[in-house]
Amino acid sequence: MQFIKNIYKFRYLLIELVSRDIKKKYRRSILGVFWSLLNPIFTMLITAMIFSHLFRFDIENYPLYLLCGQIIFTFYNESTRFAMLAIIENGDLLKKVYVLKYLFPTSRVLSSCVNLLFTLPALMLIIVVTDANFSIATLSFIIPLALMLIFCLGVGLILATLAVYFRDMIHLYSVFLSLLSYATPIFYPESIVPEEYALVLKLNPICYFLRAFRQSVCEGIFPDFDLLLTCTAISSVTIFFGWQLFKKYQNHFVLYI
């Protein structure tokens, strides 16, 4: 696939773009990347205290369950939002110099992935503190994360293309993300969703990645093969469609940015 070949060919430029995005995010921050460790822990503690007392969900190791949901959704939220703005924000550069345009949304997704990796020590800390079921199979969480990365890249390419032509997409997507956060079982168990709304979870692709991630981290088992197959299919279709859409319209971006 030409997309993958060019990613490898221009890997050094891509690394520089990712490094630039990360430095930009933590510029003038005293704690720097340490916030990536503290932020999910603080958010998890506050949310866990509220929901564990108000709703009393019957979930074993609720803090770890909650943290898994936050990690997956935050990665999707951040990576796709940043990728959506990649072409628009680099418009001046794209008008002056020829650069492979999809490197910009790709670098945004990869920089968000690096930020996600910074949160993994917090995840390991909660696993140890809560005495969760840890085994070699727990390390298989890297598989749903890798598939999630491909999915987010596909979504990012789609959004980056749409945002060039429809600037309202930027505002509409923020509203969509708010709705999606409630349609994703981040802080509640899937079992409490009424039957008439079960279709919402089935149509939400993030649920499948999150389910596989939780099987590895919370249960300490290798994710179900059928579930991983579903995640692979979702990622493959999304990246293919995103790449085709982006490739079709990328030559006209300079006319609209």
Protein backbone atom coordinates (compact mmCIF):
# COMPACT_ATOMS: atom_id res chain seq x y z
CA MET A 1 0.00 0.00 0.00
CA GLN A 2 1.44 3.35 -1.09
CA PHE A 3 0.29 5.02 2.10
CA ILE A 4 2.44 2.72 4.26
CA LYS A 5 5.42 2.93 1.88
CA ASN A 6 5.43 6.73 2.03
CA ILE A 7 5.05 6.71 5.81
CA TYR A 8 8.22 4.64 6.01
CA LYS A 9 10.01 6.67 3.33
CA PHE A 10 9.34 9.98 5.09
CA ARG A 11 9.63 8.56 8.62
CA TYR A 12 12.27 11.08 9.67
CA LEU A 13 10.07 14.02 8.69
CA LEU A 14 7.18 12.35 10.47
CA ILE A 15 9.27 11.96 13.62
CA GLU A 16 10.11 15.67 13.50
CA LEU A 17 6.43 16.59 13.13
CA VAL A 18 5.47 14.37 16.05
CA SER A 19 8.27 15.86 18.16
CA ARG A 20 7.07 19.36 17.25
CA ASP A 21 3.49 18.56 18.28
CA ILE A 22 4.58 17.14 21.64
CA LYS A 23 6.90 20.08 22.39
CA LYS A 24 4.12 22.48 21.45
CA LYS A 25 1.68 20.80 23.84
CA TYR A 26 4.01 20.91 26.84
CA ARG A 27 5.67 24.25 26.09
CA ARG A 28 6.12 26.40 29.22
CA SER A 29 4.68 23.63 31.38
CA ILE A 30 6.61 23.12 34.60
CA LEU A 31 5.69 19.46 34.99
CA GLY A 32 5.73 18.77 31.24
CA VAL A 33 4.91 15.20 30.25
CA PHE A 34 4.45 14.37 33.94
CA TRP A 35 0.94 15.81 33.54
CA SER A 36 0.14 12.86 31.28
CA LEU A 37 0.68 10.67 34.34
CA LEU A 38 -1.10 12.87 36.88
CA ASN A 39 -4.10 13.93 34.80
CA PRO A 40 -5.68 10.47 34.27
CA ILE A 41 -5.08 9.55 37.92
CA PHE A 42 -6.71 12.73 39.27
CA THR A 43 -9.61 12.45 36.82
CA MET A 44 -10.11 8.79 37.68
CA LEU A 45 -10.03 9.42 41.44
CA ILE A 46 -12.56 12.25 41.29
CA THR A 47 -14.91 10.39 38.93
CA ALA A 48 -14.57 7.13 40.88
CA MET A 49 -15.45 8.84 44.17
CA ILE A 50 -18.54 10.45 42.66
CA PHE A 51 -19.94 7.51 40.72
CA SER A 52 -19.01 4.76 43.16
CA HIS A 53 -21.03 6.53 45.89
CA LEU A 54 -23.92 7.92 43.85
CA PHE A 55 -24.60 4.99 41.55
CA ARG A 56 -22.77 2.11 43.25
CA PHE A 57 -22.12 0.18 40.07
CA ASP A 58 -21.51 -3.48 40.66
CA ILE A 59 -18.12 -3.49 38.91
CA GLU A 60 -15.11 -5.29 40.28
CA ASN A 61 -12.15 -2.90 40.56
CA TYR A 62 -14.14 0.13 39.43
CA PRO A 63 -11.13 2.54 39.47
CA LEU A 64 -9.27 0.38 36.93
CA TYR A 65 -12.43 -0.10 34.85
CA LEU A 66 -12.93 3.66 34.80
CA LEU A 67 -9.31 4.46 33.98
CA CYS A 68 -9.38 2.09 30.99
CA GLY A 69 -12.42 3.89 29.63
CA GLN A 70 -10.84 7.29 30.11
CA ILE A 71 -7.58 6.28 28.42
CA ILE A 72 -9.29 4.88 25.32
CA PHE A 73 -11.80 7.70 24.89
CA THR A 74 -9.26 10.45 25.62
CA PHE A 75 -6.98 9.02 22.94
CA TYR A 76 -9.80 8.95 20.40
CA ASN A 77 -10.96 12.44 21.38
CA GLU A 78 -7.54 14.07 21.26
CA SER A 79 -6.15 12.31 18.19
CA THR A 80 -9.17 12.89 15.94
CA ARG A 81 -9.65 16.52 17.01
CA PHE A 82 -6.00 17.35 16.39
CA ALA A 83 -5.93 15.47 13.08
CA MET A 84 -9.04 17.34 11.90
CA LEU A 85 -7.22 20.68 12.20
CA ALA A 86 -3.88 19.48 10.79
CA ILE A 87 -4.36 20.66 7.21
CA ILE A 88 -6.02 23.96 8.12
CA GLU A 89 -3.36 24.92 10.68
CA ASN A 90 -0.52 24.12 8.28
CA GLY A 91 -2.14 25.87 5.34
CA ASP A 92 0.59 28.50 4.92
CA LEU A 93 3.29 25.85 4.73
CA LEU A 94 1.36 23.70 2.27
CA LYS A 95 0.94 26.70 -0.05
CA LYS A 96 4.69 27.36 -0.15
CA VAL A 97 6.33 23.93 -0.05
CA TYR A 98 5.33 20.59 -1.49
CA VAL A 99 4.92 18.13 1.38
CA LEU A 100 2.90 14.94 1.51
CA LYS A 101 -0.24 16.35 3.05
CA TYR A 102 -1.33 13.26 4.94
CA LEU A 103 1.84 13.40 7.02
CA PHE A 104 0.25 16.23 9.03
CA PRO A 105 -2.89 14.43 10.27
CA THR A 106 -0.78 11.28 10.69
CA SER A 107 1.69 13.13 12.92
CA ARG A 108 -1.17 14.46 15.05
CA VAL A 109 -2.53 10.97 15.65
CA LEU A 110 0.94 9.62 16.42
CA SER A 111 1.70 12.45 18.85
CA SER A 112 -1.56 11.65 20.66
CA CYS A 113 -0.42 8.03 20.74
CA VAL A 114 2.83 9.12 22.39
CA ASN A 115 0.79 11.02 24.99
CA LEU A 116 -1.21 7.85 25.55
CA LEU A 117 2.02 5.93 26.17
CA PHE A 118 2.90 8.49 28.84
CA THR A 119 -0.30 7.50 30.69
CA LEU A 120 0.57 3.80 30.81
CA PRO A 121 2.67 4.16 34.00
CA ALA A 122 -0.49 5.49 35.68
CA LEU A 123 -2.36 2.43 34.44
CA MET A 124 0.32 0.10 35.80
CA LEU A 125 0.26 1.96 39.10
CA ILE A 126 -3.49 1.46 39.49
CA ILE A 127 -3.11 -2.23 38.58
CA VAL A 128 -0.57 -2.65 41.39
CA VAL A 129 -2.43 -0.52 43.97
CA THR A 130 -5.78 -2.23 43.37
CA ASP A 131 -4.20 -5.69 43.26
CA ALA A 132 -5.78 -6.41 39.88
CA ASN A 133 -5.48 -9.68 37.98
CA PHE A 134 -2.12 -9.28 36.29
CA SER A 135 -0.62 -11.89 34.00
CA ILE A 136 1.35 -12.16 30.80
CA ALA A 137 -1.97 -11.89 28.96
CA THR A 138 -2.42 -8.39 30.42
CA LEU A 139 0.33 -7.17 28.11
CA SER A 140 -1.87 -8.08 25.16
CA PHE A 141 -3.58 -4.70 25.67
CA ILE A 142 -1.10 -3.42 23.09
CA ILE A 143 -3.12 -5.21 20.36
CA PRO A 144 -6.41 -3.29 20.81
CA LEU A 145 -4.36 -0.10 21.26
CA ALA A 146 -2.58 -0.69 17.94
CA LEU A 147 -5.89 -1.35 16.20
CA MET A 148 -7.33 1.75 17.85
CA LEU A 149 -4.42 3.78 16.47
CA ILE A 150 -5.23 2.64 12.92
CA PHE A 151 -8.92 3.41 13.46
CA CYS A 152 -8.17 6.91 14.77
CA LEU A 153 -5.87 7.58 11.82
CA GLY A 154 -8.64 6.64 9.41
CA VAL A 155 -11.14 8.87 11.22
CA GLY A 156 -8.53 11.66 11.35
CA LEU A 157 -8.01 11.55 7.57
CA ILE A 158 -11.76 11.74 7.01
CA LEU A 159 -12.20 14.67 9.40
CA ALA A 160 -9.15 16.52 8.04
CA THR A 161 -10.66 16.32 4.55
CA LEU A 162 -14.14 17.40 5.60
CA ALA A 163 -12.87 20.27 7.76
CA VAL A 164 -11.10 21.87 4.77
CA TYR A 165 -14.38 22.19 2.87
CA PHE A 166 -16.85 22.50 5.75
CA ARG A 167 -15.48 24.58 8.63
CA ASP A 168 -18.70 24.03 10.57
CA MET A 169 -17.49 20.47 10.95
CA ILE A 170 -15.07 21.65 13.64
CA HIS A 171 -17.91 22.87 15.86
CA LEU A 172 -20.27 20.02 15.03
CA TYR A 173 -17.63 17.46 15.90
CA SER A 174 -17.23 18.93 19.38
CA VAL A 175 -20.93 18.39 19.97
CA PHE A 176 -20.66 14.89 18.55
CA LEU A 177 -17.81 14.04 20.93
CA SER A 178 -19.93 15.09 23.89
CA LEU A 179 -22.71 12.77 22.77
CA LEU A 180 -20.23 9.99 22.04
CA SER A 181 -18.77 10.19 25.55
CA TYR A 182 -22.18 9.25 26.98
CA ALA A 183 -22.75 6.59 24.32
CA THR A 184 -19.50 4.92 25.35
CA PRO A 185 -19.41 2.85 28.59
CA ILE A 186 -16.59 4.82 30.16
CA PHE A 187 -17.96 5.13 33.69
CA TYR A 188 -20.97 2.80 33.57
CA PRO A 189 -21.29 -0.94 32.80
CA GLU A 190 -22.81 -2.04 29.51
CA SER A 191 -25.26 -4.21 31.44
CA ILE A 192 -27.30 -1.22 32.65
CA VAL A 193 -28.09 -0.04 29.12
CA PRO A 194 -31.78 -0.78 28.34
CA GLU A 195 -32.47 -3.20 25.53
CA GLU A 196 -34.02 -0.50 23.35
CA TYR A 197 -30.74 1.44 23.45
CA ALA A 198 -28.40 -1.53 23.05
CA LEU A 199 -28.11 -0.75 19.34
CA VAL A 200 -26.29 2.47 20.23
CA LEU A 201 -23.44 0.49 21.77
CA LYS A 202 -23.36 -1.92 18.85
CA LEU A 203 -23.01 0.97 16.40
CA ASN A 204 -20.32 2.67 18.48
CA PRO A 205 -16.97 1.35 17.20
CA ILE A 206 -15.08 2.60 20.26
CA CYS A 207 -16.99 0.10 22.41
CA TYR A 208 -15.29 -2.83 20.69
CA PHE A 209 -11.78 -1.49 21.22
CA LEU A 210 -12.60 -0.59 24.81
CA ARG A 211 -14.06 -4.03 25.48
CA ALA A 212 -10.91 -5.74 24.19
CA PHE A 213 -8.69 -3.36 26.16
CA ARG A 214 -10.59 -4.07 29.38
CA GLN A 215 -10.41 -7.80 28.87
CA SER A 216 -6.63 -7.54 28.86
CA VAL A 217 -6.21 -4.99 31.64
CA CYS A 218 -9.13 -5.62 34.00
CA GLU A 219 -9.56 -9.36 33.58
CA GLY A 220 -5.95 -10.26 32.80
CA ILE A 221 -6.92 -12.41 29.81
CA PHE A 222 -6.21 -12.34 26.10
CA PRO A 223 -9.05 -10.56 24.25
CA ASP A 224 -11.62 -12.73 22.51
CA PHE A 225 -10.52 -13.64 19.01
CA ASP A 226 -13.90 -12.67 17.51
CA LEU A 227 -13.69 -9.31 19.26
CA LEU A 228 -10.21 -8.64 17.90
CA LEU A 229 -11.41 -9.70 14.47
CA THR A 230 -14.21 -7.13 14.71
CA CYS A 231 -11.74 -4.43 15.78
CA THR A 232 -9.45 -5.36 12.89
CA ALA A 233 -12.33 -5.12 10.40
CA ILE A 234 -13.41 -1.72 11.75
CA SER A 235 -9.85 -0.37 11.61
CA SER A 236 -9.20 -1.73 8.12
CA VAL A 237 -12.40 -0.33 6.62
CA THR A 238 -11.92 3.05 8.30
CA ILE A 239 -8.28 3.54 7.27
CA PHE A 240 -9.06 2.42 3.70
CA PHE A 241 -12.01 4.79 3.35
CA GLY A 242 -10.13 7.64 5.06
CA TRP A 243 -7.09 7.25 2.82
CA GLN A 244 -9.18 7.05 -0.37
CA LEU A 245 -11.19 10.13 0.56
CA PHE A 246 -8.10 12.13 1.52
CA LYS A 247 -6.19 11.10 -1.61
CA LYS A 248 -9.11 12.07 -3.85
CA TYR A 249 -9.38 15.64 -2.55
CA GLN A 250 -5.89 16.50 -1.29
CA ASN A 251 -4.80 18.24 -4.51
CA HIS A 252 -7.57 20.80 -4.05
CA PHE A 253 -6.83 21.66 -0.43
CA VAL A 254 -4.68 24.70 -1.28
CA LEU A 255 -7.71 26.34 -2.88
CA TYR A 256 -9.67 26.29 0.38
CA ILE A 257 -7.13 26.70 3.19
